[in-house]
């Protein structure tokens, strides 16, 4: 009876799930130099997803509002074409701005490993 009571006490104290986090296999671990780069890429991807969701939601709401409330008669293809032209103009402005920014920055000498390391350092 004493051994049974002792075992019952131990089973009540033992956690049902493991308390430590599972180990990541070595081949799945990123080198420490790439961690800041991956964080930047993942945050950029998340921001892009949020912006695309907002854009698509705004497009749908405005199209419904113009057709339902304002009773405007325009084809959805025409509305989509105008939206795409607006995005193209915005993209061209952003590319031009980035080109002007790049032109004003001092460039590292040559291409290759030095340029790659400089770019990785700048991203971190």
Foldseek 3Di string as FASTA:
>chain_A
DVVVVVVVVVVVPDDPDDPDDDDDDPVPDDDPLCVLVVVLVVVVVVVVVVVVVVVVVVLVVVVCCCCPVVVDDDDPVVSVVVVVVVVVVVVVVVVVVVVVVVVPDDQPPDDDPVNVVVVSVVSD
